[in-house]
Amino acid sequence: MSELTSEKLKRFAGKVGVDVLGVAPIERFEGAPPHRHPAALYPDVKSVITIVFRITRGSLRGIEEGTDWSIYNFMSYGGINMIFSLIAQRELSRFIEDHGYEALPFIHSSAKRWGQPVAPGKPAPDPLLNARMMAVGCGLGEIG
């Protein structure tokens, strides 16, 4: 494995359109509900990475002025969640794996997807991580 520092990761993230990136050791998520804990997705997880994209000021103008909602939806909130974030996650995952580590990209979704656990003591499949909890754990803000 070659050395991969958070600074290297942040520099690369900027090149693929990420505005802010935070990294946290898995211990920061101690006490998270089992179905929202990163280890429910990947039991051997050592670190969690959270990425943030800014919503540009111009994309809010149409909403404020009552002239156009589509720019905000496609170029900001919807575009970030369904296009830009996915592309950046793929590139970041490849970058991490090129350095000899394993990466698991995760789509932000609010859909409830829990089925039945496959064994006692295990979380239900398709756990739903909470983006806000992950961001707080990675030092990118606080719940307010």
C-alpha atoms as a PDB file:
ATOM      1  CA  MET A   1       0.000   0.000   0.000  1.00  0.00           C
ATOM      2  CA  SER A   2       1.256   3.454  -0.798  1.00  0.00           C
ATOM      3  CA  GLU A   3       0.774   6.269   1.652  1.00  0.00           C
ATOM      4  CA  LEU A   4      -2.557   8.006   1.315  1.00  0.00           C
ATOM      5  CA  THR A   5      -2.955  11.028   3.545  1.00  0.00           C
ATOM      6  CA  SER A   6      -6.082  13.061   4.087  1.00  0.00           C
ATOM      7  CA  GLU A   7      -4.307  15.991   2.411  1.00  0.00           C
ATOM      8  CA  LYS A   8      -3.669  13.932  -0.760  1.00  0.00           C
ATOM      9  CA  LEU A   9      -7.273  12.817  -0.703  1.00  0.00           C
ATOM     10  CA  LYS A  10      -8.550  16.393  -0.269  1.00  0.00           C
ATOM     11  CA  ARG A  11      -6.430  17.653  -3.160  1.00  0.00           C
ATOM     12  CA  PHE A  12      -7.692  14.920  -5.439  1.00  0.00           C
ATOM     13  CA  ALA A  13     -11.288  15.487  -4.288  1.00  0.00           C
ATOM     14  CA  GLY A  14     -11.031  19.127  -5.345  1.00  0.00           C
ATOM     15  CA  LYS A  15     -10.006  18.006  -8.824  1.00  0.00           C
ATOM     16  CA  VAL A  16     -13.198  15.951  -9.183  1.00  0.00           C
ATOM     17  CA  GLY A  17     -15.515  18.739  -8.039  1.00  0.00           C
ATOM     18  CA  VAL A  18     -15.792  18.135  -4.292  1.00  0.00           C
ATOM     19  CA  ASP A  19     -15.882  21.369  -2.276  1.00  0.00           C
ATOM     20  CA  VAL A  20     -15.137  19.917   1.182  1.00  0.00           C
ATOM     21  CA  LEU A  21     -13.950  16.485   2.305  1.00  0.00           C
ATOM     22  CA  GLY A  22     -13.733  15.170   5.860  1.00  0.00           C
ATOM     23  CA  VAL A  23     -12.166  11.957   7.166  1.00  0.00           C
ATOM     24  CA  ALA A  24     -12.860  10.289  10.505  1.00  0.00           C
ATOM     25  CA  PRO A  25     -11.794   7.097  12.243  1.00  0.00           C
ATOM     26  CA  ILE A  26     -14.635   4.624  12.733  1.00  0.00           C
ATOM     27  CA  GLU A  27     -14.452   5.151  16.501  1.00  0.00           C
ATOM     28  CA  ARG A  28     -16.189   8.508  16.061  1.00  0.00           C
ATOM     29  CA  PHE A  29     -19.394   6.662  15.186  1.00  0.00           C
ATOM     30  CA  GLU A  30     -19.511   4.636  18.376  1.00  0.00           C
ATOM     31  CA  GLY A  31     -23.044   4.666  19.706  1.00  0.00           C
ATOM     32  CA  ALA A  32     -24.679   5.122  16.293  1.00  0.00           C
ATOM     33  CA  PRO A  33     -27.783   2.959  15.838  1.00  0.00           C
ATOM     34  CA  PRO A  34     -26.780  -0.402  14.297  1.00  0.00           C
ATOM     35  CA  HIS A  35     -28.755   0.194  11.068  1.00  0.00           C
ATOM     36  CA  ARG A  36     -27.059   3.600  10.651  1.00  0.00           C
ATOM     37  CA  HIS A  37     -23.521   2.601  11.587  1.00  0.00           C
ATOM     38  CA  PRO A  38     -20.949   2.450   8.754  1.00  0.00           C
ATOM     39  CA  ALA A  39     -19.903  -1.039   9.922  1.00  0.00           C
ATOM     40  CA  ALA A  40     -23.389  -2.262   8.950  1.00  0.00           C
ATOM     41  CA  LEU A  41     -22.315  -1.700   5.342  1.00  0.00           C
ATOM     42  CA  TYR A  42     -18.713  -2.759   5.670  1.00  0.00           C
ATOM     43  CA  PRO A  43     -17.758  -4.590   8.886  1.00  0.00           C
ATOM     44  CA  ASP A  44     -13.999  -4.010   8.437  1.00  0.00           C
ATOM     45  CA  VAL A  45     -14.324  -0.235   7.986  1.00  0.00           C
ATOM     46  CA  LYS A  46     -11.462   1.775   9.489  1.00  0.00           C
ATOM     47  CA  SER A  47     -12.325   5.297   8.286  1.00  0.00           C
ATOM     48  CA  VAL A  48     -15.308   7.208   6.987  1.00  0.00           C
ATOM     49  CA  ILE A  49     -15.050   9.911   4.341  1.00  0.00           C
ATOM     50  CA  THR A  50     -17.750  12.512   3.826  1.00  0.00           C
ATOM     51  CA  ILE A  51     -17.896  14.836   0.827  1.00  0.00           C
ATOM     52  CA  VAL A  52     -19.752  18.114   0.470  1.00  0.00           C
ATOM     53  CA  PHE A  53     -20.819  20.078  -2.595  1.00  0.00           C
ATOM     54  CA  ARG A  54     -21.861  23.684  -2.360  1.00  0.00           C
ATOM     55  CA  ILE A  55     -25.119  24.901  -3.791  1.00  0.00           C
ATOM     56  CA  THR A  56     -24.278  27.872  -5.961  1.00  0.00           C
ATOM     57  CA  ARG A  57     -25.917  31.165  -5.160  1.00  0.00           C
ATOM     58  CA  GLY A  58     -27.102  31.643  -8.723  1.00  0.00           C
ATOM     59  CA  SER A  59     -29.104  28.430  -8.688  1.00  0.00           C
ATOM     60  CA  LEU A  60     -31.263  29.789  -5.867  1.00  0.00           C
ATOM     61  CA  ARG A  61     -32.204  32.986  -7.704  1.00  0.00           C
ATOM     62  CA  GLY A  62     -35.017  31.411  -9.712  1.00  0.00           C
ATOM     63  CA  ILE A  63     -36.640  30.090  -6.546  1.00  0.00           C
ATOM     64  CA  GLU A  64     -36.309  33.418  -4.736  1.00  0.00           C
ATOM     65  CA  GLU A  65     -37.682  35.348  -7.674  1.00  0.00           C
ATOM     66  CA  GLY A  66     -40.364  32.780  -8.531  1.00  0.00           C
ATOM     67  CA  THR A  67     -39.133  32.403 -12.099  1.00  0.00           C
ATOM     68  CA  ASP A  68     -37.459  28.973 -12.342  1.00  0.00           C
ATOM     69  CA  TRP A  69     -37.201  26.012 -10.013  1.00  0.00           C
ATOM     70  CA  SER A  70     -35.564  23.640 -12.494  1.00  0.00           C
ATOM     71  CA  ILE A  71     -32.054  25.118 -12.270  1.00  0.00           C
ATOM     72  CA  TYR A  72     -31.948  24.474  -8.524  1.00  0.00           C
ATOM     73  CA  ASN A  73     -33.287  20.965  -8.929  1.00  0.00           C
ATOM     74  CA  PHE A  74     -31.022  19.888 -11.788  1.00  0.00           C
ATOM     75  CA  MET A  75     -27.858  21.863 -11.097  1.00  0.00           C
ATOM     76  CA  SER A  76     -27.933  21.913  -7.312  1.00  0.00           C
ATOM     77  CA  TYR A  77     -29.850  19.605  -4.985  1.00  0.00           C
ATOM     78  CA  GLY A  78     -30.970  16.955  -7.462  1.00  0.00           C
ATOM     79  CA  GLY A  79     -27.861  17.203  -9.619  1.00  0.00           C
ATOM     80  CA  ILE A  80     -25.564  16.933  -6.615  1.00  0.00           C
ATOM     81  CA  ASN A  81     -27.326  13.885  -5.179  1.00  0.00           C
ATOM     82  CA  MET A  82     -27.951  11.994  -8.396  1.00  0.00           C
ATOM     83  CA  ILE A  83     -25.118  13.016 -10.741  1.00  0.00           C
ATOM     84  CA  PHE A  84     -22.163  15.021  -9.412  1.00  0.00           C
ATOM     85  CA  SER A  85     -21.772  13.148  -6.117  1.00  0.00           C
ATOM     86  CA  LEU A  86     -21.902   9.750  -7.805  1.00  0.00           C
ATOM     87  CA  ILE A  87     -19.215  10.685 -10.318  1.00  0.00           C
ATOM     88  CA  ALA A  88     -16.991  12.140  -7.585  1.00  0.00           C
ATOM     89  CA  GLN A  89     -17.499   9.065  -5.374  1.00  0.00           C
ATOM     90  CA  ARG A  90     -16.497   6.772  -8.209  1.00  0.00           C
ATOM     91  CA  GLU A  91     -13.336   8.761  -8.911  1.00  0.00           C
ATOM     92  CA  LEU A  92     -12.443   9.000  -5.217  1.00  0.00           C
ATOM     93  CA  SER A  93     -13.007   5.261  -4.789  1.00  0.00           C
ATOM     94  CA  ARG A  94     -10.716   4.521  -7.709  1.00  0.00           C
ATOM     95  CA  PHE A  95      -8.077   6.890  -6.296  1.00  0.00           C
ATOM     96  CA  ILE A  96      -8.246   5.198  -2.882  1.00  0.00           C
ATOM     97  CA  GLU A  97      -8.055   1.730  -4.412  1.00  0.00           C
ATOM     98  CA  ASP A  98      -5.132   2.799  -6.614  1.00  0.00           C
ATOM     99  CA  HIS A  99      -3.316   3.426  -3.317  1.00  0.00           C
ATOM    100  CA  GLY A 100      -3.982  -0.137  -2.155  1.00  0.00           C
ATOM    101  CA  TYR A 101      -7.029   0.372   0.049  1.00  0.00           C
ATOM    102  CA  GLU A 102     -10.623  -0.666  -0.445  1.00  0.00           C
ATOM    103  CA  ALA A 103     -13.372   1.925  -0.895  1.00  0.00           C
ATOM    104  CA  LEU A 104     -17.131   1.588  -0.693  1.00  0.00           C
ATOM    105  CA  PRO A 105     -19.074   4.491  -2.240  1.00  0.00           C
ATOM    106  CA  PHE A 106     -22.524   5.063  -0.765  1.00  0.00           C
ATOM    107  CA  ILE A 107     -25.456   6.876  -2.343  1.00  0.00           C
ATOM    108  CA  HIS A 108     -27.303   9.365  -0.166  1.00  0.00           C
ATOM    109  CA  SER A 109     -30.922   8.318  -0.102  1.00  0.00           C
ATOM    110  CA  SER A 110     -33.850   8.750   2.229  1.00  0.00           C
ATOM    111  CA  ALA A 111     -35.699   5.631   1.090  1.00  0.00           C
ATOM    112  CA  LYS A 112     -36.466   3.129   3.847  1.00  0.00           C
ATOM    113  CA  ARG A 113     -35.003  -0.134   2.604  1.00  0.00           C
ATOM    114  CA  TRP A 114     -34.574  -2.344   5.647  1.00  0.00           C
ATOM    115  CA  GLY A 115     -35.404  -6.018   5.322  1.00  0.00           C
ATOM    116  CA  GLN A 116     -34.913  -8.743   7.894  1.00  0.00           C
ATOM    117  CA  PRO A 117     -31.486  -9.409   9.457  1.00  0.00           C
ATOM    118  CA  VAL A 118     -29.729 -12.468   8.035  1.00  0.00           C
ATOM    119  CA  ALA A 119     -28.601 -13.582  11.499  1.00  0.00           C
ATOM    120  CA  PRO A 120     -29.243 -12.616  15.122  1.00  0.00           C
ATOM    121  CA  GLY A 121     -27.252  -9.561  16.152  1.00  0.00           C
ATOM    122  CA  LYS A 122     -26.737  -8.406  12.563  1.00  0.00           C
ATOM    123  CA  PRO A 123     -28.330  -5.259  11.142  1.00  0.00           C
ATOM    124  CA  ALA A 124     -30.995  -5.558   8.481  1.00  0.00           C
ATOM    125  CA  PRO A 125     -29.736  -5.469   4.882  1.00  0.00           C
ATOM    126  CA  ASP A 126     -29.352  -2.205   2.976  1.00  0.00           C
ATOM    127  CA  PRO A 127     -28.601  -0.023   5.998  1.00  0.00           C
ATOM    128  CA  LEU A 128     -29.325   3.652   5.586  1.00  0.00           C
ATOM    129  CA  LEU A 129     -26.491   5.882   6.707  1.00  0.00           C
ATOM    130  CA  ASN A 130     -27.479   9.345   7.811  1.00  0.00           C
ATOM    131  CA  ALA A 131     -25.555  11.973   5.827  1.00  0.00           C
ATOM    132  CA  ARG A 132     -25.759  14.474   8.679  1.00  0.00           C
ATOM    133  CA  MET A 133     -24.389  11.988  11.228  1.00  0.00           C
ATOM    134  CA  MET A 134     -21.540  11.083   8.876  1.00  0.00           C
ATOM    135  CA  ALA A 135     -20.706  14.761   8.292  1.00  0.00           C
ATOM    136  CA  VAL A 136     -20.677  15.518  12.024  1.00  0.00           C
ATOM    137  CA  GLY A 137     -18.478  12.483  12.694  1.00  0.00           C
ATOM    138  CA  CYS A 138     -16.068  13.691  10.004  1.00  0.00           C
ATOM    139  CA  GLY A 139     -15.844  17.117  11.618  1.00  0.00           C
ATOM    140  CA  LEU A 140     -17.807  18.987   8.944  1.00  0.00           C
ATOM    141  CA  GLY A 141     -20.470  20.550  11.135  1.00  0.00           C
ATOM    142  CA  GLU A 142     -22.869  19.880  13.928  1.00  0.00           C
ATOM    143  CA  ILE A 143     -26.530  19.011  14.292  1.00  0.00           C
ATOM    144  CA  GLY A 144     -28.436  22.217  14.901  1.00  0.00           C
END
